[in-house]
Amino acid sequence: MNERIRELAVKSGIAYQSKQQDHDTNDGFTVISSKDSLEKFAELIVRECIDIAGKEDFDVMMKEGYPCSQTAKKIKEHFGVE
């Protein structure tokens, strides 16, 4: 699993990383979940996509000198993220 995905899983509450590693918990990473924590996990991923898209749009706007495509705004609207 990607390290950033692990970090977001822990931050959202669907998983935890223990300091001790054992073979039963996938290198100390244990997934737990609830409806609220799964929603938070999904929201964190969407927010990261929005941040990336927003930066990309800004970079294009600055380089090309024209308004950006507002990809980040479209992602927010699609997923209902404020």
Protein backbone atom coordinates (compact mmCIF):
# COMPACT_ATOMS: atom_id res chain seq x y z
CA MET A 1 0.00 0.00 0.00
CA ASN A 2 1.17 3.50 -0.82
CA GLU A 3 2.60 5.30 2.24
CA ARG A 4 0.39 8.37 1.72
CA ILE A 5 -2.72 6.13 1.61
CA ARG A 6 -1.58 4.59 4.91
CA GLU A 7 -1.16 8.06 6.42
CA LEU A 8 -4.64 9.09 5.31
CA ALA A 9 -6.13 5.84 6.62
CA VAL A 10 -4.62 6.50 10.04
CA LYS A 11 -5.64 10.19 9.97
CA SER A 12 -9.23 9.27 9.09
CA GLY A 13 -9.49 6.65 11.82
CA ILE A 14 -9.98 3.57 9.63
CA ALA A 15 -6.58 2.16 10.54
CA TYR A 16 -3.78 2.45 13.02
CA GLN A 17 -0.06 1.92 12.85
CA SER A 18 1.45 0.19 15.84
CA LYS A 19 5.08 0.58 16.77
CA GLN A 20 5.54 -3.16 16.88
CA GLN A 21 5.44 -5.12 13.68
CA ASP A 22 4.05 -8.61 13.48
CA HIS A 23 2.97 -10.81 10.64
CA ASP A 24 -0.73 -10.72 11.55
CA THR A 25 -1.12 -6.96 11.14
CA ASN A 26 0.71 -6.33 7.87
CA ASP A 27 3.85 -4.64 9.22
CA GLY A 28 2.04 -3.11 12.18
CA PHE A 29 -0.75 -1.62 10.05
CA THR A 30 -4.26 -2.65 11.10
CA VAL A 31 -7.45 -1.62 9.31
CA ILE A 32 -10.58 -0.94 11.33
CA SER A 33 -13.58 0.88 9.98
CA SER A 34 -16.87 2.56 10.62
CA LYS A 35 -19.16 4.41 8.26
CA ASP A 36 -17.94 7.79 9.55
CA SER A 37 -14.26 6.87 9.29
CA LEU A 38 -14.70 5.47 5.78
CA GLU A 39 -16.39 8.70 4.71
CA LYS A 40 -13.57 10.72 6.27
CA PHE A 41 -10.97 8.56 4.47
CA ALA A 42 -12.70 9.14 1.13
CA GLU A 43 -12.96 12.88 1.83
CA LEU A 44 -9.23 13.10 2.62
CA ILE A 45 -8.37 11.40 -0.67
CA VAL A 46 -10.70 13.71 -2.61
CA ARG A 47 -9.19 16.75 -0.88
CA GLU A 48 -5.70 15.63 -1.90
CA CYS A 49 -6.90 15.30 -5.51
CA ILE A 50 -8.41 18.79 -5.31
CA ASP A 51 -5.13 20.19 -4.00
CA ILE A 52 -3.17 18.54 -6.81
CA ALA A 53 -5.62 19.66 -9.48
CA GLY A 54 -5.69 23.18 -8.10
CA LYS A 55 -1.92 23.45 -8.16
CA GLU A 56 -1.80 22.05 -11.69
CA ASP A 57 -4.43 24.54 -12.84
CA PHE A 58 -2.52 27.40 -11.21
CA ASP A 59 0.76 26.32 -12.82
CA VAL A 60 -0.86 26.18 -16.26
CA MET A 61 -2.51 29.55 -15.74
CA MET A 62 0.79 31.15 -14.76
CA LYS A 63 2.75 29.58 -17.62
CA GLU A 64 0.19 30.09 -20.35
CA GLY A 65 -1.33 33.36 -19.16
CA TYR A 66 -4.95 32.27 -19.46
CA PRO A 67 -7.67 31.23 -16.99
CA CYS A 68 -7.40 27.73 -15.63
CA SER A 69 -9.88 24.96 -16.35
CA GLN A 70 -11.10 24.92 -12.74
CA THR A 71 -10.53 21.20 -12.40
CA ALA A 72 -10.34 21.45 -8.61
CA LYS A 73 -13.75 23.17 -8.53
CA LYS A 74 -15.26 20.44 -10.71
CA ILE A 75 -13.87 17.72 -8.41
CA LYS A 76 -15.33 19.48 -5.35
CA GLU A 77 -18.73 19.72 -7.01
CA HIS A 78 -18.66 16.12 -8.20
CA PHE A 79 -17.90 14.70 -4.74
CA GLY A 80 -19.80 17.35 -2.75
CA VAL A 81 -16.76 18.48 -0.82
CA GLU A 82 -16.86 22.03 0.58
